[in-house]
Amino acid sequence: MKSGYLLGANPRQQFFAQFFGVLAGGLIVVPVYFILIPDVNALGTEKWPAPAALVWRGVAELLSKGVGSLPVSARWGVVIGGLLGIILPLLEKAFPKQKKFIPSPTGLGLAFTINGFNSISMFIGACFALWFSKAKPKLHEEFTVPVSSGIIAGESLVGVLIALLTVAKVLG
């Protein structure tokens, strides 16, 4: 919504665009997924490593099997992570002037859920956005979010296109 707002889009039109985008996405994404990955056992292999998907599979297995199925070291990790998730926001509230020095719980959670190269890319992008906000504040305010969103969407679309071309080459 913020990208649309910055570009001057009507919120009602944005809603309809998102609504139809979800429908179109569902109609396209599901068949493309089955074309790319006909056997779910391929996920987690060398061909389709999908590390983030494996993390969420682990979460689903944990929820279905219970905490008792975890090794003791992983249980300690859950406790420590949970405590950090509680303590860090409390520190932000208790010390608002030092908030910029307190690690973001959301950022830490994402860092442990996504690939390292994605975290590094986000860090580099954030550093560039910080520099741009200081160098060209007006341009930064108007263009950083829409351009960043476009880069992320474009990378995803190109990745899917490359995977489809690879599958077509293998089948052909």
N, C-alpha and C. Protein backbone atom coordinates (compact mmCIF):
# COMPACT_ATOMS: atom_id res chain seq x y z
N MET A 1 0.83 -1.19 0.00
CA MET A 1 0.00 0.00 0.00
C MET A 1 0.88 1.26 0.00
N LYS A 2 2.01 1.19 0.72
CA LYS A 2 2.85 2.38 0.79
C LYS A 2 3.41 2.74 -0.58
N SER A 3 3.82 1.73 -1.35
CA SER A 3 4.33 2.02 -2.69
C SER A 3 3.26 2.71 -3.51
N GLY A 4 2.02 2.19 -3.45
CA GLY A 4 0.92 2.80 -4.19
C GLY A 4 0.65 4.21 -3.71
N TYR A 5 0.69 4.42 -2.40
CA TYR A 5 0.47 5.74 -1.83
C TYR A 5 1.52 6.72 -2.34
N LEU A 6 2.79 6.28 -2.32
CA LEU A 6 3.87 7.14 -2.79
C LEU A 6 3.74 7.46 -4.27
N LEU A 7 3.16 6.55 -5.02
CA LEU A 7 2.99 6.78 -6.45
C LEU A 7 1.68 7.47 -6.78
N GLY A 8 0.85 7.76 -5.74
CA GLY A 8 -0.39 8.49 -5.94
C GLY A 8 -1.57 7.63 -6.37
N ALA A 9 -1.50 6.33 -6.11
CA ALA A 9 -2.59 5.44 -6.52
C ALA A 9 -3.78 5.57 -5.58
N ASN A 10 -4.95 5.32 -6.11
CA ASN A 10 -6.18 5.34 -5.35
C ASN A 10 -6.24 4.07 -4.49
N PRO A 11 -6.49 4.17 -3.16
CA PRO A 11 -6.53 2.99 -2.30
C PRO A 11 -7.56 1.95 -2.75
N ARG A 12 -8.71 2.41 -3.23
CA ARG A 12 -9.74 1.47 -3.69
C ARG A 12 -9.23 0.67 -4.89
N GLN A 13 -8.58 1.36 -5.82
CA GLN A 13 -8.03 0.67 -6.99
C GLN A 13 -6.92 -0.28 -6.58
N GLN A 14 -6.14 0.12 -5.59
CA GLN A 14 -5.08 -0.76 -5.08
C GLN A 14 -5.69 -2.04 -4.50
N PHE A 15 -6.79 -1.89 -3.75
CA PHE A 15 -7.44 -3.06 -3.17
C PHE A 15 -7.87 -4.02 -4.27
N PHE A 16 -8.53 -3.49 -5.29
CA PHE A 16 -9.00 -4.35 -6.38
C PHE A 16 -7.82 -4.98 -7.12
N ALA A 17 -6.76 -4.23 -7.31
CA ALA A 17 -5.57 -4.78 -7.97
C ALA A 17 -4.98 -5.92 -7.14
N GLN A 18 -4.90 -5.72 -5.82
CA GLN A 18 -4.37 -6.77 -4.96
C GLN A 18 -5.29 -7.99 -4.94
N PHE A 19 -6.60 -7.74 -4.90
CA PHE A 19 -7.57 -8.83 -4.87
C PHE A 19 -7.44 -9.69 -6.13
N PHE A 20 -7.44 -9.05 -7.28
CA PHE A 20 -7.33 -9.80 -8.53
C PHE A 20 -5.93 -10.36 -8.72
N GLY A 21 -4.94 -9.70 -8.15
CA GLY A 21 -3.58 -10.23 -8.17
C GLY A 21 -3.46 -11.52 -7.40
N VAL A 22 -4.16 -11.60 -6.26
CA VAL A 22 -4.15 -12.84 -5.47
C VAL A 22 -4.82 -13.96 -6.25
N LEU A 23 -5.95 -13.65 -6.87
CA LEU A 23 -6.64 -14.67 -7.67
C LEU A 23 -5.77 -15.14 -8.83
N ALA A 24 -5.22 -14.18 -9.58
CA ALA A 24 -4.37 -14.54 -10.71
C ALA A 24 -3.12 -15.28 -10.24
N GLY A 25 -2.56 -14.81 -9.13
CA GLY A 25 -1.38 -15.48 -8.59
C GLY A 25 -1.67 -16.92 -8.22
N GLY A 26 -2.81 -17.15 -7.58
CA GLY A 26 -3.19 -18.52 -7.22
C GLY A 26 -3.37 -19.40 -8.44
N LEU A 27 -3.97 -18.84 -9.48
CA LEU A 27 -4.20 -19.61 -10.71
C LEU A 27 -2.90 -19.89 -11.46
N ILE A 28 -1.90 -19.04 -11.28
CA ILE A 28 -0.63 -19.22 -11.97
C ILE A 28 0.38 -19.98 -11.11
N VAL A 29 0.48 -19.61 -9.84
CA VAL A 29 1.53 -20.16 -8.99
C VAL A 29 1.36 -21.66 -8.76
N VAL A 30 0.15 -22.11 -8.52
CA VAL A 30 -0.05 -23.53 -8.22
C VAL A 30 0.36 -24.41 -9.40
N PRO A 31 -0.10 -24.14 -10.63
CA PRO A 31 0.37 -24.98 -11.74
C PRO A 31 1.87 -24.88 -11.97
N VAL A 32 2.44 -23.68 -11.84
CA VAL A 32 3.88 -23.52 -12.05
C VAL A 32 4.65 -24.32 -11.00
N TYR A 33 4.18 -24.32 -9.77
CA TYR A 33 4.83 -25.11 -8.71
C TYR A 33 4.85 -26.58 -9.09
N PHE A 34 3.72 -27.10 -9.55
CA PHE A 34 3.65 -28.52 -9.90
C PHE A 34 4.46 -28.84 -11.15
N ILE A 35 4.64 -27.86 -12.04
CA ILE A 35 5.51 -28.07 -13.20
C ILE A 35 6.97 -28.14 -12.74
N LEU A 36 7.34 -27.22 -11.87
CA LEU A 36 8.73 -27.16 -11.41
C LEU A 36 9.08 -28.30 -10.45
N ILE A 37 8.15 -28.62 -9.55
CA ILE A 37 8.43 -29.61 -8.51
C ILE A 37 7.31 -30.65 -8.51
N PRO A 38 7.38 -31.63 -9.44
CA PRO A 38 6.32 -32.63 -9.51
C PRO A 38 6.31 -33.57 -8.30
N ASP A 39 7.48 -33.73 -7.65
CA ASP A 39 7.58 -34.60 -6.48
C ASP A 39 8.08 -33.77 -5.30
N VAL A 40 7.28 -33.68 -4.24
CA VAL A 40 7.64 -32.84 -3.09
C VAL A 40 8.93 -33.32 -2.42
N ASN A 41 9.30 -34.58 -2.61
CA ASN A 41 10.55 -35.09 -2.04
C ASN A 41 11.78 -34.46 -2.68
N ALA A 42 11.60 -33.77 -3.80
CA ALA A 42 12.72 -33.08 -4.45
C ALA A 42 13.17 -31.86 -3.65
N LEU A 43 12.25 -31.30 -2.84
CA LEU A 43 12.63 -30.15 -2.01
C LEU A 43 13.65 -30.58 -0.98
N GLY A 44 14.67 -29.79 -0.83
CA GLY A 44 15.73 -30.10 0.12
C GLY A 44 16.87 -30.88 -0.50
N THR A 45 16.74 -31.20 -1.80
CA THR A 45 17.83 -31.89 -2.49
C THR A 45 18.77 -30.86 -3.09
N GLU A 46 19.82 -31.34 -3.73
CA GLU A 46 20.79 -30.43 -4.34
C GLU A 46 20.13 -29.62 -5.46
N LYS A 47 19.19 -30.23 -6.20
CA LYS A 47 18.53 -29.53 -7.30
C LYS A 47 17.61 -28.43 -6.79
N TRP A 48 16.85 -28.69 -5.74
CA TRP A 48 15.91 -27.72 -5.15
C TRP A 48 16.19 -27.60 -3.66
N PRO A 49 17.29 -26.91 -3.28
CA PRO A 49 17.65 -26.86 -1.86
C PRO A 49 16.59 -26.23 -0.96
N ALA A 50 15.96 -25.17 -1.38
CA ALA A 50 14.86 -24.51 -0.66
C ALA A 50 15.08 -24.44 0.85
N PRO A 51 16.18 -23.81 1.31
CA PRO A 51 16.47 -23.79 2.74
C PRO A 51 15.36 -23.17 3.58
N ALA A 52 14.75 -22.09 3.09
CA ALA A 52 13.68 -21.45 3.87
C ALA A 52 12.48 -22.39 3.98
N ALA A 53 12.18 -23.13 2.91
CA ALA A 53 11.07 -24.09 2.98
C ALA A 53 11.37 -25.18 3.99
N LEU A 54 12.63 -25.58 4.08
CA LEU A 54 13.00 -26.62 5.06
C LEU A 54 12.86 -26.11 6.49
N VAL A 55 13.14 -24.82 6.69
CA VAL A 55 12.95 -24.24 8.02
C VAL A 55 11.48 -24.34 8.41
N TRP A 56 10.59 -23.94 7.49
CA TRP A 56 9.15 -23.98 7.80
C TRP A 56 8.64 -25.41 7.91
N ARG A 57 9.23 -26.34 7.16
CA ARG A 57 8.86 -27.74 7.33
C ARG A 57 9.23 -28.20 8.74
N GLY A 58 10.40 -27.75 9.21
CA GLY A 58 10.82 -28.08 10.57
C GLY A 58 9.84 -27.53 11.60
N VAL A 59 9.35 -26.31 11.37
CA VAL A 59 8.36 -25.71 12.28
C VAL A 59 7.08 -26.55 12.27
N ALA A 60 6.64 -26.95 11.09
CA ALA A 60 5.42 -27.76 10.98
C ALA A 60 5.60 -29.10 11.69
N GLU A 61 6.76 -29.72 11.52
CA GLU A 61 7.02 -30.99 12.20
C GLU A 61 7.06 -30.81 13.71
N LEU A 62 7.66 -29.71 14.16
CA LEU A 62 7.70 -29.42 15.59
C LEU A 62 6.29 -29.29 16.15
N LEU A 63 5.45 -28.56 15.43
CA LEU A 63 4.07 -28.38 15.90
C LEU A 63 3.30 -29.69 15.91
N SER A 64 3.59 -30.56 14.97
CA SER A 64 2.85 -31.82 14.91
C SER A 64 3.39 -32.87 15.89
N LYS A 65 4.71 -32.88 16.13
CA LYS A 65 5.31 -33.89 17.00
C LYS A 65 5.54 -33.42 18.43
N GLY A 66 5.54 -32.10 18.64
CA GLY A 66 5.75 -31.57 19.97
C GLY A 66 7.21 -31.26 20.26
N VAL A 67 7.42 -30.46 21.29
CA VAL A 67 8.76 -30.02 21.67
C VAL A 67 9.63 -31.19 22.12
N GLY A 68 9.03 -32.22 22.64
CA GLY A 68 9.78 -33.39 23.10
C GLY A 68 10.57 -34.07 22.00
N SER A 69 10.20 -33.86 20.75
CA SER A 69 10.91 -34.48 19.63
C SER A 69 12.21 -33.77 19.30
N LEU A 70 12.42 -32.59 19.89
CA LEU A 70 13.64 -31.82 19.63
C LEU A 70 14.80 -32.32 20.47
N PRO A 71 16.03 -32.22 19.94
CA PRO A 71 17.20 -32.49 20.79
C PRO A 71 17.27 -31.44 21.91
N VAL A 72 17.94 -31.76 22.98
CA VAL A 72 18.03 -30.86 24.14
C VAL A 72 18.63 -29.52 23.74
N SER A 73 19.65 -29.52 22.89
CA SER A 73 20.27 -28.26 22.48
C SER A 73 19.28 -27.38 21.73
N ALA A 74 18.42 -27.98 20.92
CA ALA A 74 17.41 -27.20 20.19
C ALA A 74 16.37 -26.64 21.15
N ARG A 75 16.04 -27.38 22.19
CA ARG A 75 15.09 -26.86 23.19
C ARG A 75 15.66 -25.63 23.87
N TRP A 76 16.97 -25.67 24.18
CA TRP A 76 17.61 -24.49 24.76
C TRP A 76 17.56 -23.32 23.79
N GLY A 77 17.76 -23.62 22.51
CA GLY A 77 17.67 -22.58 21.48
C GLY A 77 16.29 -21.94 21.44
N VAL A 78 15.25 -22.76 21.57
CA VAL A 78 13.87 -22.25 21.58
C VAL A 78 13.66 -21.34 22.80
N VAL A 79 14.15 -21.77 23.95
CA VAL A 79 13.99 -20.98 25.17
C VAL A 79 14.74 -19.64 25.04
N ILE A 80 15.99 -19.71 24.56
CA ILE A 80 16.78 -18.48 24.42
C ILE A 80 16.13 -17.54 23.40
N GLY A 81 15.70 -18.10 22.26
CA GLY A 81 15.03 -17.28 21.24
C GLY A 81 13.75 -16.65 21.77
N GLY A 82 12.98 -17.43 22.52
CA GLY A 82 11.74 -16.90 23.09
C GLY A 82 12.02 -15.78 24.09
N LEU A 83 13.03 -15.97 24.93
CA LEU A 83 13.38 -14.92 25.88
C LEU A 83 13.86 -13.65 25.18
N LEU A 84 14.66 -13.82 24.12
CA LEU A 84 15.10 -12.64 23.36
C LEU A 84 13.92 -11.94 22.72
N GLY A 85 12.95 -12.73 22.24
CA GLY A 85 11.76 -12.15 21.63
C GLY A 85 10.93 -11.34 22.62
N ILE A 86 11.04 -11.66 23.89
CA ILE A 86 10.32 -10.91 24.94
C ILE A 86 11.17 -9.74 25.45
N ILE A 87 12.46 -10.01 25.68
CA ILE A 87 13.33 -9.01 26.30
C ILE A 87 13.63 -7.83 25.37
N LEU A 88 13.90 -8.09 24.10
CA LEU A 88 14.29 -7.00 23.20
C LEU A 88 13.21 -5.93 23.05
N PRO A 89 11.93 -6.28 22.84
CA PRO A 89 10.92 -5.21 22.79
C PRO A 89 10.76 -4.48 24.12
N LEU A 90 10.94 -5.21 25.24
CA LEU A 90 10.87 -4.55 26.54
C LEU A 90 12.02 -3.55 26.72
N LEU A 91 13.19 -3.92 26.21
CA LEU A 91 14.33 -2.99 26.27
C LEU A 91 14.05 -1.73 25.43
N GLU A 92 13.41 -1.93 24.27
CA GLU A 92 13.07 -0.77 23.43
C GLU A 92 12.12 0.18 24.15
N LYS A 93 11.17 -0.39 24.89
CA LYS A 93 10.21 0.44 25.63
C LYS A 93 10.89 1.11 26.82
N ALA A 94 11.78 0.38 27.50
CA ALA A 94 12.42 0.91 28.69
C ALA A 94 13.48 1.97 28.36
N PHE A 95 14.13 1.82 27.21
CA PHE A 95 15.20 2.75 26.81
C PHE A 95 14.96 3.28 25.41
N PRO A 96 13.92 4.12 25.23
CA PRO A 96 13.58 4.58 23.88
C PRO A 96 14.70 5.37 23.19
N LYS A 97 15.52 6.07 23.96
CA LYS A 97 16.60 6.85 23.34
C LYS A 97 17.71 5.95 22.80
N GLN A 98 17.84 4.74 23.33
CA GLN A 98 18.86 3.80 22.88
C GLN A 98 18.30 2.77 21.90
N LYS A 99 17.08 2.99 21.42
CA LYS A 99 16.41 2.02 20.56
C LYS A 99 17.25 1.65 19.33
N LYS A 100 17.95 2.63 18.77
CA LYS A 100 18.72 2.35 17.56
C LYS A 100 19.89 1.40 17.82
N PHE A 101 20.25 1.20 19.08
CA PHE A 101 21.35 0.30 19.42
C PHE A 101 20.86 -1.10 19.83
N ILE A 102 19.56 -1.26 19.95
CA ILE A 102 18.99 -2.55 20.37
C ILE A 102 18.63 -3.34 19.12
N PRO A 103 19.10 -4.59 19.02
CA PRO A 103 18.79 -5.39 17.82
C PRO A 103 17.29 -5.57 17.63
N SER A 104 16.87 -5.57 16.39
CA SER A 104 15.45 -5.75 16.05
C SER A 104 15.07 -7.22 16.21
N PRO A 105 14.05 -7.53 17.02
CA PRO A 105 13.61 -8.93 17.15
C PRO A 105 13.14 -9.49 15.81
N THR A 106 12.45 -8.68 15.03
CA THR A 106 11.99 -9.14 13.72
C THR A 106 13.19 -9.44 12.82
N GLY A 107 14.15 -8.54 12.82
CA GLY A 107 15.35 -8.74 12.01
C GLY A 107 16.10 -10.00 12.41
N LEU A 108 16.25 -10.22 13.71
CA LEU A 108 16.92 -11.44 14.18
C LEU A 108 16.15 -12.68 13.77
N GLY A 109 14.82 -12.62 13.92
CA GLY A 109 13.99 -13.78 13.53
C GLY A 109 14.13 -14.09 12.06
N LEU A 110 14.11 -13.06 11.23
CA LEU A 110 14.27 -13.28 9.79
C LEU A 110 15.66 -13.81 9.47
N ALA A 111 16.67 -13.29 10.15
CA ALA A 111 18.03 -13.72 9.89
C ALA A 111 18.21 -15.21 10.15
N PHE A 112 17.47 -15.77 11.11
CA PHE A 112 17.57 -17.19 11.40
C PHE A 112 16.64 -18.03 10.54
N THR A 113 15.79 -17.38 9.76
CA THR A 113 14.83 -18.11 8.94
C THR A 113 15.21 -18.13 7.47
N ILE A 114 15.89 -17.09 6.99
CA ILE A 114 16.23 -17.01 5.57
C ILE A 114 17.71 -17.30 5.36
N ASN A 115 18.07 -17.45 4.10
CA ASN A 115 19.47 -17.74 3.75
C ASN A 115 20.39 -16.57 4.11
N GLY A 116 21.64 -16.90 4.35
CA GLY A 116 22.63 -15.88 4.67
C GLY A 116 22.80 -14.87 3.56
N PHE A 117 22.80 -15.33 2.30
CA PHE A 117 23.00 -14.38 1.20
C PHE A 117 21.84 -13.39 1.11
N ASN A 118 20.63 -13.82 1.50
CA ASN A 118 19.51 -12.87 1.51
C ASN A 118 19.70 -11.83 2.61
N SER A 119 20.17 -12.27 3.77
CA SER A 119 20.43 -11.32 4.86
C SER A 119 21.49 -10.31 4.47
N ILE A 120 22.53 -10.79 3.80
CA ILE A 120 23.60 -9.89 3.36
C ILE A 120 23.08 -8.91 2.32
N SER A 121 22.24 -9.41 1.40
CA SER A 121 21.65 -8.51 0.39
C SER A 121 20.78 -7.45 1.04
N MET A 122 20.01 -7.84 2.04
CA MET A 122 19.17 -6.87 2.75
C MET A 122 20.03 -5.83 3.47
N PHE A 123 21.12 -6.28 4.06
CA PHE A 123 22.03 -5.37 4.76
C PHE A 123 22.63 -4.36 3.78
N ILE A 124 23.09 -4.85 2.63
CA ILE A 124 23.67 -3.96 1.63
C ILE A 124 22.61 -2.97 1.14
N GLY A 125 21.40 -3.47 0.88
CA GLY A 125 20.31 -2.59 0.44
C GLY A 125 19.98 -1.55 1.49
N ALA A 126 19.96 -1.95 2.76
CA ALA A 126 19.67 -1.00 3.84
C ALA A 126 20.76 0.05 3.95
N CYS A 127 22.02 -0.36 3.79
CA CYS A 127 23.13 0.61 3.82
C CYS A 127 23.00 1.60 2.67
N PHE A 128 22.65 1.10 1.47
CA PHE A 128 22.47 1.98 0.33
C PHE A 128 21.30 2.94 0.58
N ALA A 129 20.19 2.42 1.13
CA ALA A 129 19.02 3.26 1.41
C ALA A 129 19.38 4.33 2.45
N LEU A 130 20.16 3.97 3.45
CA LEU A 130 20.59 4.96 4.46
C LEU A 130 21.44 6.04 3.80
N TRP A 131 22.40 5.63 2.99
CA TRP A 131 23.23 6.61 2.29
C TRP A 131 22.37 7.51 1.40
N PHE A 132 21.44 6.90 0.65
CA PHE A 132 20.59 7.65 -0.27
C PHE A 132 19.70 8.63 0.49
N SER A 133 19.23 8.20 1.68
CA SER A 133 18.37 9.09 2.48
C SER A 133 19.13 10.33 2.95
N LYS A 134 20.43 10.18 3.16
CA LYS A 134 21.25 11.33 3.58
C LYS A 134 21.64 12.19 2.37
N ALA A 135 21.95 11.53 1.25
CA ALA A 135 22.43 12.26 0.07
C ALA A 135 21.30 12.96 -0.68
N LYS A 136 20.19 12.29 -0.84
CA LYS A 136 19.06 12.84 -1.62
C LYS A 136 17.76 12.55 -0.89
N PRO A 137 17.45 13.26 0.20
CA PRO A 137 16.29 12.94 1.02
C PRO A 137 14.95 12.93 0.27
N LYS A 138 14.74 13.91 -0.62
CA LYS A 138 13.46 13.98 -1.34
C LYS A 138 13.31 12.79 -2.29
N LEU A 139 14.35 12.49 -3.05
CA LEU A 139 14.31 11.34 -3.96
C LEU A 139 14.16 10.03 -3.18
N HIS A 140 14.86 9.94 -2.06
CA HIS A 140 14.76 8.75 -1.21
C HIS A 140 13.32 8.53 -0.77
N GLU A 141 12.68 9.56 -0.29
CA GLU A 141 11.30 9.45 0.21
C GLU A 141 10.35 8.98 -0.88
N GLU A 142 10.60 9.43 -2.09
CA GLU A 142 9.68 9.12 -3.18
C GLU A 142 9.97 7.78 -3.87
N PHE A 143 11.23 7.39 -3.96
CA PHE A 143 11.57 6.26 -4.83
C PHE A 143 12.13 5.02 -4.14
N THR A 144 12.65 5.09 -2.94
CA THR A 144 13.32 3.93 -2.35
C THR A 144 12.39 2.73 -2.21
N VAL A 145 11.22 2.92 -1.62
CA VAL A 145 10.31 1.78 -1.41
C VAL A 145 9.80 1.22 -2.74
N PRO A 146 9.31 2.04 -3.68
CA PRO A 146 8.84 1.46 -4.94
C PRO A 146 9.95 0.76 -5.74
N VAL A 147 11.14 1.35 -5.79
CA VAL A 147 12.23 0.74 -6.55
C VAL A 147 12.67 -0.56 -5.88
N SER A 148 12.77 -0.56 -4.55
CA SER A 148 13.14 -1.78 -3.83
C SER A 148 12.12 -2.88 -4.07
N SER A 149 10.84 -2.53 -4.02
CA SER A 149 9.78 -3.51 -4.27
C SER A 149 9.90 -4.07 -5.67
N GLY A 150 10.17 -3.22 -6.62
CA GLY A 150 10.33 -3.67 -8.01
C GLY A 150 11.51 -4.59 -8.18
N ILE A 151 12.62 -4.29 -7.52
CA ILE A 151 13.81 -5.14 -7.61
C ILE A 151 13.50 -6.53 -7.04
N ILE A 152 12.84 -6.57 -5.90
CA ILE A 152 12.50 -7.85 -5.27
C ILE A 152 11.56 -8.66 -6.17
N ALA A 153 10.52 -8.01 -6.68
CA ALA A 153 9.57 -8.71 -7.55
C ALA A 153 10.26 -9.16 -8.83
N GLY A 154 11.09 -8.31 -9.41
CA GLY A 154 11.80 -8.67 -10.63
C GLY A 154 12.72 -9.84 -10.44
N GLU A 155 13.45 -9.86 -9.32
CA GLU A 155 14.34 -10.98 -9.04
C GLU A 155 13.55 -12.28 -8.93
N SER A 156 12.41 -12.22 -8.27
CA SER A 156 11.58 -13.41 -8.11
C SER A 156 11.07 -13.90 -9.45
N LEU A 157 10.59 -12.99 -10.27
CA LEU A 157 10.06 -13.38 -11.58
C LEU A 157 11.15 -13.96 -12.48
N VAL A 158 12.32 -13.36 -12.47
CA VAL A 158 13.43 -13.88 -13.27
C VAL A 158 13.85 -15.26 -12.76
N GLY A 159 13.86 -15.45 -11.44
CA GLY A 159 14.20 -16.76 -10.88
C GLY A 159 13.23 -17.84 -11.33
N VAL A 160 11.94 -17.52 -11.32
CA VAL A 160 10.94 -18.48 -11.78
C VAL A 160 11.11 -18.74 -13.27
N LEU A 161 11.36 -17.70 -14.05
CA LEU A 161 11.56 -17.86 -15.49
C LEU A 161 12.75 -18.77 -15.76
N ILE A 162 13.85 -18.55 -15.05
CA ILE A 162 15.03 -19.40 -15.23
C ILE A 162 14.71 -20.85 -14.87
N ALA A 163 13.99 -21.06 -13.77
CA ALA A 163 13.63 -22.42 -13.39
C ALA A 163 12.73 -23.06 -14.43
N LEU A 164 11.76 -22.31 -14.96
CA LEU A 164 10.88 -22.85 -16.01
C LEU A 164 11.67 -23.20 -17.26
N LEU A 165 12.60 -22.35 -17.65
CA LEU A 165 13.41 -22.63 -18.83
C LEU A 165 14.29 -23.86 -18.60
N THR A 166 14.80 -24.02 -17.39
CA THR A 166 15.61 -25.19 -17.06
C THR A 166 14.76 -26.46 -17.15
N VAL A 167 13.54 -26.42 -16.60
CA VAL A 167 12.66 -27.59 -16.67
C VAL A 167 12.28 -27.88 -18.12
N ALA A 168 11.99 -26.84 -18.90
CA ALA A 168 11.64 -27.04 -20.31
C ALA A 168 12.80 -27.65 -21.07
N LYS A 169 14.02 -27.25 -20.77
CA LYS A 169 15.21 -27.79 -21.42
C LYS A 169 15.39 -29.26 -21.06
N VAL A 170 15.14 -29.61 -19.79
CA VAL A 170 15.28 -31.00 -19.35
C VAL A 170 14.22 -31.87 -20.00
N LEU A 171 12.99 -31.36 -20.10
CA LEU A 171 11.90 -32.14 -20.69
C LEU A 171 12.01 -32.24 -22.20
N GLY A 172 12.61 -31.21 -22.82
CA GLY A 172 12.64 -31.14 -24.29
C GLY A 172 13.75 -31.89 -24.91
